[in-house]
């Protein structure tokens, strides 16, 4: 089987496989076995917020530290009323 893979990705994958003590072929075969048996593909990545989300999080933390946080709310309606004020 020949598969086109980005050179940087292949190098990083081979290094990661080596770190965990497996040949890259074993990792790929394991992935393909799971794909065949589960008939699904699962992607995961660390949850790293983008710049806009980080800004909102930091702003929220500052507001909370300054005592400007609102809630908890008894209902979603109460939360939206608070947001509209």
PDB file of N, CA and C in Angstrom:
ATOM      1  N   UNK A   1       0.858  -1.167   0.000  1.00  0.00           N
ATOM      2  CA  UNK A   1       0.000   0.000   0.000  1.00  0.00           C
ATOM      3  C   UNK A   1       0.902   1.227   0.000  1.00  0.00           C
ATOM      4  N   UNK A   2       0.596   2.154  -0.859  1.00  0.00           N
ATOM      5  CA  UNK A   2       1.316   3.421  -0.903  1.00  0.00           C
ATOM      6  C   UNK A   2       0.353   4.528  -0.510  1.00  0.00           C
ATOM      7  N   UNK A   3       0.780   5.332   0.427  1.00  0.00           N
ATOM      8  CA  UNK A   3      -0.069   6.420   0.909  1.00  0.00           C
ATOM      9  C   UNK A   3       0.754   7.704   0.895  1.00  0.00           C
ATOM     10  N   UNK A   4       0.185   8.754   0.333  1.00  0.00           N
ATOM     11  CA  UNK A   4       0.868  10.046   0.353  1.00  0.00           C
ATOM     12  C   UNK A   4       0.688  10.661   1.733  1.00  0.00           C
ATOM     13  N   UNK A   5       1.809  10.986   2.360  1.00  0.00           N
ATOM     14  CA  UNK A   5       1.789  11.573   3.696  1.00  0.00           C
ATOM     15  C   UNK A   5       2.719  12.775   3.695  1.00  0.00           C
ATOM     16  N   UNK A   6       2.283  13.842   4.314  1.00  0.00           N
ATOM     17  CA  UNK A   6       3.112  15.024   4.467  1.00  0.00           C
ATOM     18  C   UNK A   6       4.428  14.632   5.144  1.00  0.00           C
ATOM     19  N   UNK A   7       5.552  15.101   4.608  1.00  0.00           N
ATOM     20  CA  UNK A   7       6.872  14.699   5.118  1.00  0.00           C
ATOM     21  C   UNK A   7       7.058  15.055   6.593  1.00  0.00           C
ATOM     22  N   UNK A   8       6.629  16.245   6.978  1.00  0.00           N
ATOM     23  CA  UNK A   8       6.775  16.654   8.381  1.00  0.00           C
ATOM     24  C   UNK A   8       5.919  15.772   9.292  1.00  0.00           C
ATOM     25  N   UNK A   9       4.714  15.455   8.828  1.00  0.00           N
ATOM     26  CA  UNK A   9       3.823  14.604   9.607  1.00  0.00           C
ATOM     27  C   UNK A   9       4.414  13.214   9.777  1.00  0.00           C
ATOM     28  N   UNK A  10       4.950  12.666   8.691  1.00  0.00           N
ATOM     29  CA  UNK A  10       5.548  11.336   8.752  1.00  0.00           C
ATOM     30  C   UNK A  10       6.725  11.314   9.721  1.00  0.00           C
ATOM     31  N   UNK A  11       7.550  12.333   9.659  1.00  0.00           N
ATOM     32  CA  UNK A  11       8.714  12.412  10.550  1.00  0.00           C
ATOM     33  C   UNK A  11       8.269  12.516  12.015  1.00  0.00           C
ATOM     34  N   UNK A  12       7.271  13.356  12.275  1.00  0.00           N
ATOM     35  CA  UNK A  12       6.764  13.517  13.639  1.00  0.00           C
ATOM     36  C   UNK A  12       6.109  12.230  14.129  1.00  0.00           C
ATOM     37  N   UNK A  13       5.356  11.552  13.254  1.00  0.00           N
ATOM     38  CA  UNK A  13       4.700  10.299  13.632  1.00  0.00           C
ATOM     39  C   UNK A  13       5.735   9.220  13.923  1.00  0.00           C
ATOM     40  N   UNK A  14       6.770   9.140  13.093  1.00  0.00           N
ATOM     41  CA  UNK A  14       7.822   8.146  13.318  1.00  0.00           C
ATOM     42  C   UNK A  14       8.541   8.413  14.637  1.00  0.00           C
ATOM     43  N   UNK A  15       8.797   9.674  14.936  1.00  0.00           N
ATOM     44  CA  UNK A  15       9.459  10.025  16.201  1.00  0.00           C
ATOM     45  C   UNK A  15       8.577   9.676  17.391  1.00  0.00           C
ATOM     46  N   UNK A  16       7.292   9.940  17.284  1.00  0.00           N
ATOM     47  CA  UNK A  16       6.358   9.617  18.366  1.00  0.00           C
ATOM     48  C   UNK A  16       6.272   8.114  18.560  1.00  0.00           C
ATOM     49  N   UNK A  17       6.175   7.377  17.470  1.00  0.00           N
ATOM     50  CA  UNK A  17       6.118   5.914  17.554  1.00  0.00           C
ATOM     51  C   UNK A  17       7.392   5.370  18.208  1.00  0.00           C
ATOM     52  N   UNK A  18       8.517   5.927  17.826  1.00  0.00           N
ATOM     53  CA  UNK A  18       9.789   5.482  18.415  1.00  0.00           C
ATOM     54  C   UNK A  18       9.823   5.760  19.913  1.00  0.00           C
ATOM     55  N   UNK A  19       9.321   6.934  20.314  1.00  0.00           N
ATOM     56  CA  UNK A  19       9.292   7.292  21.742  1.00  0.00           C
ATOM     57  C   UNK A  19       8.479   6.294  22.555  1.00  0.00           C
ATOM     58  N   UNK A  20       7.396   5.783  21.974  1.00  0.00           N
ATOM     59  CA  UNK A  20       6.571   4.820  22.705  1.00  0.00           C
ATOM     60  C   UNK A  20       6.987   3.379  22.433  1.00  0.00           C
ATOM     61  N   UNK A  21       8.054   3.221  21.650  1.00  0.00           N
ATOM     62  CA  UNK A  21       8.630   1.900  21.441  1.00  0.00           C
ATOM     63  C   UNK A  21       7.954   1.047  20.400  1.00  0.00           C
ATOM     64  N   UNK A  22       7.331   1.680  19.403  1.00  0.00           N
ATOM     65  CA  UNK A  22       6.643   0.928  18.349  1.00  0.00           C
ATOM     66  C   UNK A  22       7.141   1.367  16.977  1.00  0.00           C
ATOM     67  N   UNK A  23       7.224   0.429  16.034  1.00  0.00           N
ATOM     68  CA  UNK A  23       7.491   0.839  14.656  1.00  0.00           C
ATOM     69  C   UNK A  23       6.270   1.576  14.101  1.00  0.00           C
ATOM     70  N   UNK A  24       6.505   2.519  13.221  1.00  0.00           N
ATOM     71  CA  UNK A  24       5.400   3.290  12.649  1.00  0.00           C
ATOM     72  C   UNK A  24       4.411   2.378  11.924  1.00  0.00           C
ATOM     73  N   UNK A  25       4.890   1.341  11.278  1.00  0.00           N
ATOM     74  CA  UNK A  25       3.998   0.394  10.601  1.00  0.00           C
ATOM     75  C   UNK A  25       3.018  -0.264  11.555  1.00  0.00           C
ATOM     76  N   UNK A  26       3.474  -0.572  12.764  1.00  0.00           N
ATOM     77  CA  UNK A  26       2.605  -1.177  13.776  1.00  0.00           C
ATOM     78  C   UNK A  26       1.502  -0.203  14.177  1.00  0.00           C
ATOM     79  N   UNK A  27       1.863   1.067  14.316  1.00  0.00           N
ATOM     80  CA  UNK A  27       0.875   2.095  14.669  1.00  0.00           C
ATOM     81  C   UNK A  27      -0.174   2.200  13.565  1.00  0.00           C
ATOM     82  N   UNK A  28       0.272   2.244  12.317  1.00  0.00           N
ATOM     83  CA  UNK A  28      -0.657   2.377  11.190  1.00  0.00           C
ATOM     84  C   UNK A  28      -1.539   1.135  11.071  1.00  0.00           C
ATOM     85  N   UNK A  29      -0.943  -0.045  11.228  1.00  0.00           N
ATOM     86  CA  UNK A  29      -1.744  -1.277  11.179  1.00  0.00           C
ATOM     87  C   UNK A  29      -2.786  -1.301  12.293  1.00  0.00           C
ATOM     88  N   UNK A  30      -2.404  -0.850  13.487  1.00  0.00           N
ATOM     89  CA  UNK A  30      -3.358  -0.782  14.591  1.00  0.00           C
ATOM     90  C   UNK A  30      -4.499   0.164  14.279  1.00  0.00           C
ATOM     91  N   UNK A  31      -4.163   1.319  13.701  1.00  0.00           N
ATOM     92  CA  UNK A  31      -5.200   2.271  13.310  1.00  0.00           C
ATOM     93  C   UNK A  31      -6.148   1.641  12.292  1.00  0.00           C
ATOM     94  N   UNK A  32      -5.588   0.970  11.277  1.00  0.00           N
ATOM     95  CA  UNK A  32      -6.425   0.366  10.239  1.00  0.00           C
ATOM     96  C   UNK A  32      -7.287  -0.764  10.798  1.00  0.00           C
ATOM     97  N   UNK A  33      -6.737  -1.566  11.729  1.00  0.00           N
ATOM     98  CA  UNK A  33      -7.546  -2.626  12.354  1.00  0.00           C
ATOM     99  C   UNK A  33      -8.743  -2.028  13.091  1.00  0.00           C
ATOM    100  N   UNK A  34      -8.489  -0.975  13.847  1.00  0.00           N
ATOM    101  CA  UNK A  34      -9.586  -0.304  14.564  1.00  0.00           C
ATOM    102  C   UNK A  34     -10.607   0.267  13.586  1.00  0.00           C
ATOM    103  N   UNK A  35     -10.122   0.838  12.502  1.00  0.00           N
ATOM    104  CA  UNK A  35     -11.015   1.416  11.498  1.00  0.00           C
ATOM    105  C   UNK A  35     -11.927   0.342  10.916  1.00  0.00           C
ATOM    106  N   UNK A  36     -11.363  -0.816  10.603  1.00  0.00           N
ATOM    107  CA  UNK A  36     -12.152  -1.911  10.022  1.00  0.00           C
ATOM    108  C   UNK A  36     -13.139  -2.465  11.040  1.00  0.00           C
ATOM    109  N   UNK A  37     -12.686  -2.707  12.257  1.00  0.00           N
ATOM    110  CA  UNK A  37     -13.572  -3.331  13.245  1.00  0.00           C
ATOM    111  C   UNK A  37     -14.640  -2.372  13.765  1.00  0.00           C
ATOM    112  N   UNK A  38     -14.286  -1.101  13.964  1.00  0.00           N
ATOM    113  CA  UNK A  38     -15.239  -0.121  14.512  1.00  0.00           C
ATOM    114  C   UNK A  38     -16.045   0.578  13.414  1.00  0.00           C
ATOM    115  N   UNK A  39     -15.530   0.579  12.197  1.00  0.00           N
ATOM    116  CA  UNK A  39     -16.129   1.272  11.065  1.00  0.00           C
ATOM    117  C   UNK A  39     -16.378   2.745  11.361  1.00  0.00           C
ATOM    118  N   UNK A  40     -15.403   3.329  12.013  1.00  0.00           N
ATOM    119  CA  UNK A  40     -15.461   4.765  12.288  1.00  0.00           C
ATOM    120  C   UNK A  40     -14.047   5.278  12.483  1.00  0.00           C
ATOM    121  N   UNK A  41     -13.890   6.564  12.344  1.00  0.00           N
ATOM    122  CA  UNK A  41     -12.608   7.220  12.547  1.00  0.00           C
ATOM    123  C   UNK A  41     -12.773   8.195  13.693  1.00  0.00           C
ATOM    124  N   UNK A  42     -11.864   8.164  14.605  1.00  0.00           N
ATOM    125  CA  UNK A  42     -11.924   9.057  15.753  1.00  0.00           C
ATOM    126  C   UNK A  42     -10.698   9.963  15.732  1.00  0.00           C
ATOM    127  N   UNK A  43     -10.934  11.248  15.648  1.00  0.00           N
ATOM    128  CA  UNK A  43      -9.856  12.227  15.683  1.00  0.00           C
ATOM    129  C   UNK A  43      -9.898  12.922  17.027  1.00  0.00           C
ATOM    130  N   UNK A  44      -8.746  13.183  17.569  1.00  0.00           N
ATOM    131  CA  UNK A  44      -8.714  13.964  18.801  1.00  0.00           C
ATOM    132  C   UNK A  44      -7.506  14.879  18.768  1.00  0.00           C
ATOM    133  N   UNK A  45      -7.654  15.973  19.427  1.00  0.00           N
ATOM    134  CA  UNK A  45      -6.573  16.946  19.536  1.00  0.00           C
ATOM    135  C   UNK A  45      -6.720  17.626  20.879  1.00  0.00           C
ATOM    136  N   UNK A  46      -5.641  18.125  21.399  1.00  0.00           N
ATOM    137  CA  UNK A  46      -5.763  18.837  22.669  1.00  0.00           C
ATOM    138  C   UNK A  46      -6.710  20.022  22.520  1.00  0.00           C
ATOM    139  N   UNK A  47      -7.470  20.266  23.541  1.00  0.00           N
ATOM    140  CA  UNK A  47      -8.403  21.382  23.507  1.00  0.00           C
ATOM    141  C   UNK A  47      -7.647  22.666  23.825  1.00  0.00           C
ATOM    142  N   UNK A  48      -7.231  23.337  22.783  1.00  0.00           N
ATOM    143  CA  UNK A  48      -6.488  24.583  22.922  1.00  0.00           C
ATOM    144  C   UNK A  48      -7.341  25.686  22.323  1.00  0.00           C
ATOM    145  N   UNK A  49      -7.762  26.637  23.158  1.00  0.00           N
ATOM    146  CA  UNK A  49      -8.622  27.698  22.622  1.00  0.00           C
ATOM    147  C   UNK A  49      -7.856  28.598  21.650  1.00  0.00           C
ATOM    148  N   UNK A  50      -8.582  29.113  20.663  1.00  0.00           N
ATOM    149  CA  UNK A  50      -7.965  30.056  19.730  1.00  0.00           C
ATOM    150  C   UNK A  50      -7.801  31.411  20.431  1.00  0.00           C
ATOM    151  N   UNK A  51      -7.181  32.360  19.746  1.00  0.00           N
ATOM    152  CA  UNK A  51      -6.873  33.662  20.346  1.00  0.00           C
ATOM    153  C   UNK A  51      -8.120  34.388  20.845  1.00  0.00           C
ATOM    154  N   UNK A  52      -9.198  34.363  20.064  1.00  0.00           N
ATOM    155  CA  UNK A  52     -10.428  35.061  20.455  1.00  0.00           C
ATOM    156  C   UNK A  52     -11.017  34.434  21.726  1.00  0.00           C
ATOM    157  N   UNK A  53     -11.036  33.104  21.780  1.00  0.00           N
ATOM    158  CA  UNK A  53     -11.581  32.418  22.950  1.00  0.00           C
ATOM    159  C   UNK A  53     -10.704  32.663  24.177  1.00  0.00           C
ATOM    160  N   UNK A  54      -9.366  32.648  24.003  1.00  0.00           N
ATOM    161  CA  UNK A  54      -8.466  32.939  25.130  1.00  0.00           C
ATOM    162  C   UNK A  54      -8.722  34.333  25.692  1.00  0.00           C
ATOM    163  N   UNK A  55      -8.967  35.288  24.798  1.00  0.00           N
ATOM    164  CA  UNK A  55      -9.245  36.663  25.220  1.00  0.00           C
ATOM    165  C   UNK A  55     -10.521  36.719  26.067  1.00  0.00           C
ATOM    166  N   UNK A  56     -11.563  36.031  25.615  1.00  0.00           N
ATOM    167  CA  UNK A  56     -12.837  36.004  26.347  1.00  0.00           C
ATOM    168  C   UNK A  56     -12.653  35.321  27.702  1.00  0.00           C
ATOM    169  N   UNK A  57     -11.892  34.235  27.741  1.00  0.00           N
ATOM    170  CA  UNK A  57     -11.646  33.525  28.998  1.00  0.00           C
ATOM    171  C   UNK A  57     -10.910  34.424  29.976  1.00  0.00           C
ATOM    172  N   UNK A  58      -9.876  35.102  29.512  1.00  0.00           N
ATOM    173  CA  UNK A  58      -9.105  36.000  30.391  1.00  0.00           C
ATOM    174  C   UNK A  58      -9.973  37.155  30.899  1.00  0.00           C
ATOM    175  N   UNK A  59     -10.799  37.696  30.011  1.00  0.00           N
ATOM    176  CA  UNK A  59     -11.708  38.775  30.417  1.00  0.00           C
ATOM    177  C   UNK A  59     -12.677  38.273  31.490  1.00  0.00           C
ATOM    178  N   UNK A  60     -13.190  37.082  31.306  1.00  0.00           N
ATOM    179  CA  UNK A  60     -14.116  36.495  32.280  1.00  0.00           C
ATOM    180  C   UNK A  60     -13.426  36.268  33.618  1.00  0.00           C
ATOM    181  N   UNK A  61     -12.194  35.809  33.578  1.00  0.00           N
ATOM    182  CA  UNK A  61     -11.437  35.594  34.822  1.00  0.00           C
ATOM    183  C   UNK A  61     -11.210  36.910  35.564  1.00  0.00           C
ATOM    184  N   UNK A  62     -10.894  37.973  34.806  1.00  0.00           N
ATOM    185  CA  UNK A  62     -10.705  39.286  35.448  1.00  0.00           C
ATOM    186  C   UNK A  62     -12.005  39.777  36.086  1.00  0.00           C
ATOM    187  N   UNK A  63     -13.122  39.613  35.366  1.00  0.00           N
ATOM    188  CA  UNK A  63     -14.416  40.022  35.906  1.00  0.00           C
ATOM    189  C   UNK A  63     -14.754  39.226  37.163  1.00  0.00           C
ATOM    190  N   UNK A  64     -14.488  37.934  37.132  1.00  0.00           N
ATOM    191  CA  UNK A  64     -14.766  37.091  38.293  1.00  0.00           C
ATOM    192  C   UNK A  64     -13.921  37.530  39.478  1.00  0.00           C
ATOM    193  N   UNK A  65     -12.631  37.782  39.248  1.00  0.00           N
ATOM    194  CA  UNK A  65     -11.720  38.208  40.319  1.00  0.00           C
ATOM    195  C   UNK A  65     -12.139  39.560  40.896  1.00  0.00           C
ATOM    196  N   UNK A  66     -12.735  40.413  40.053  1.00  0.00           N
ATOM    197  CA  UNK A  66     -13.177  41.733  40.499  1.00  0.00           C
ATOM    198  C   UNK A  66     -14.576  41.697  41.112  1.00  0.00           C
ATOM    199  N   UNK A  67     -15.173  40.512  41.220  1.00  0.00           N
ATOM    200  CA  UNK A  67     -16.509  40.397  41.806  1.00  0.00           C
ATOM    201  C   UNK A  67     -17.619  40.811  40.865  1.00  0.00           C
ATOM    202  N   UNK A  68     -17.345  40.839  39.587  1.00  0.00           N
ATOM    203  CA  UNK A  68     -18.355  41.255  38.607  1.00  0.00           C
ATOM    204  C   UNK A  68     -19.030  40.072  37.923  1.00  0.00           C
ATOM    205  N   UNK A  69     -18.802  38.876  38.418  1.00  0.00           N
ATOM    206  CA  UNK A  69     -19.404  37.688  37.811  1.00  0.00           C
ATOM    207  C   UNK A  69     -20.869  37.578  38.229  1.00  0.00           C
ATOM    208  N   UNK A  70     -21.672  37.021  37.365  1.00  0.00           N
ATOM    209  CA  UNK A  70     -23.087  36.859  37.639  1.00  0.00           C
ATOM    210  C   UNK A  70     -23.423  35.380  37.734  1.00  0.00           C
ATOM    211  N   UNK A  71     -24.500  35.081  38.443  1.00  0.00           N
ATOM    212  CA  UNK A  71     -24.923  33.689  38.572  1.00  0.00           C
ATOM    213  C   UNK A  71     -24.576  33.165  39.945  1.00  0.00           C
ATOM    214  N   UNK A  72     -24.883  31.953  40.223  1.00  0.00           N
ATOM    215  CA  UNK A  72     -25.534  30.990  39.347  1.00  0.00           C
ATOM    216  C   UNK A  72     -26.989  31.374  39.090  1.00  0.00           C
ATOM    217  N   UNK A  73     -27.517  30.852  38.041  1.00  0.00           N
ATOM    218  CA  UNK A  73     -28.877  31.158  37.622  1.00  0.00           C
ATOM    219  C   UNK A  73     -29.788  29.963  37.860  1.00  0.00           C
ATOM    220  N   UNK A  74     -31.049  30.251  38.147  1.00  0.00           N
ATOM    221  CA  UNK A  74     -32.026  29.188  38.385  1.00  0.00           C
ATOM    222  C   UNK A  74     -32.586  28.632  37.082  1.00  0.00           C
ATOM    223  N   UNK A  75     -32.468  29.402  35.996  1.00  0.00           N
ATOM    224  CA  UNK A  75     -32.987  28.942  34.705  1.00  0.00           C
ATOM    225  C   UNK A  75     -32.216  29.640  33.602  1.00  0.00           C
ATOM    226  N   UNK A  76     -32.360  29.129  32.408  1.00  0.00           N
ATOM    227  CA  UNK A  76     -31.726  29.738  31.246  1.00  0.00           C
ATOM    228  C   UNK A  76     -32.327  31.111  30.974  1.00  0.00           C
ATOM    229  N   UNK A  77     -33.620  31.234  31.247  1.00  0.00           N
ATOM    230  CA  UNK A  77     -34.281  32.525  31.046  1.00  0.00           C
ATOM    231  C   UNK A  77     -33.668  33.579  31.959  1.00  0.00           C
ATOM    232  N   UNK A  78     -33.407  33.196  33.224  1.00  0.00           N
ATOM    233  CA  UNK A  78     -32.792  34.118  34.182  1.00  0.00           C
ATOM    234  C   UNK A  78     -31.399  34.529  33.706  1.00  0.00           C
ATOM    235  N   UNK A  79     -30.664  33.589  33.126  1.00  0.00           N
ATOM    236  CA  UNK A  79     -29.337  33.897  32.625  1.00  0.00           C
ATOM    237  C   UNK A  79     -29.428  34.918  31.483  1.00  0.00           C
ATOM    238  N   UNK A  80     -30.358  34.695  30.538  1.00  0.00           N
ATOM    239  CA  UNK A  80     -30.483  35.614  29.415  1.00  0.00           C
ATOM    240  C   UNK A  80     -30.957  36.993  29.874  1.00  0.00           C
ATOM    241  N   UNK A  81     -31.832  37.055  30.849  1.00  0.00           N
ATOM    242  CA  UNK A  81     -32.266  38.349  31.384  1.00  0.00           C
ATOM    243  C   UNK A  81     -31.074  39.092  31.944  1.00  0.00           C
ATOM    244  N   UNK A  82     -30.203  38.382  32.658  1.00  0.00           N
ATOM    245  CA  UNK A  82     -29.004  38.983  33.223  1.00  0.00           C
ATOM    246  C   UNK A  82     -28.073  39.498  32.121  1.00  0.00           C
ATOM    247  N   UNK A  83     -27.928  38.722  31.066  1.00  0.00           N
ATOM    248  CA  UNK A  83     -27.065  39.116  29.972  1.00  0.00           C
ATOM    249  C   UNK A  83     -27.582  40.355  29.243  1.00  0.00           C
ATOM    250  N   UNK A  84     -28.901  40.488  29.167  1.00  0.00           N
ATOM    251  CA  UNK A  84     -29.491  41.622  28.476  1.00  0.00           C
ATOM    252  C   UNK A  84     -29.404  42.916  29.273  1.00  0.00           C
ATOM    253  N   UNK A  85     -29.211  42.805  30.585  1.00  0.00           N
ATOM    254  CA  UNK A  85     -29.097  44.007  31.416  1.00  0.00           C
ATOM    255  C   UNK A  85     -27.786  44.684  31.266  1.00  0.00           C
TER     256      UNK A  85
END
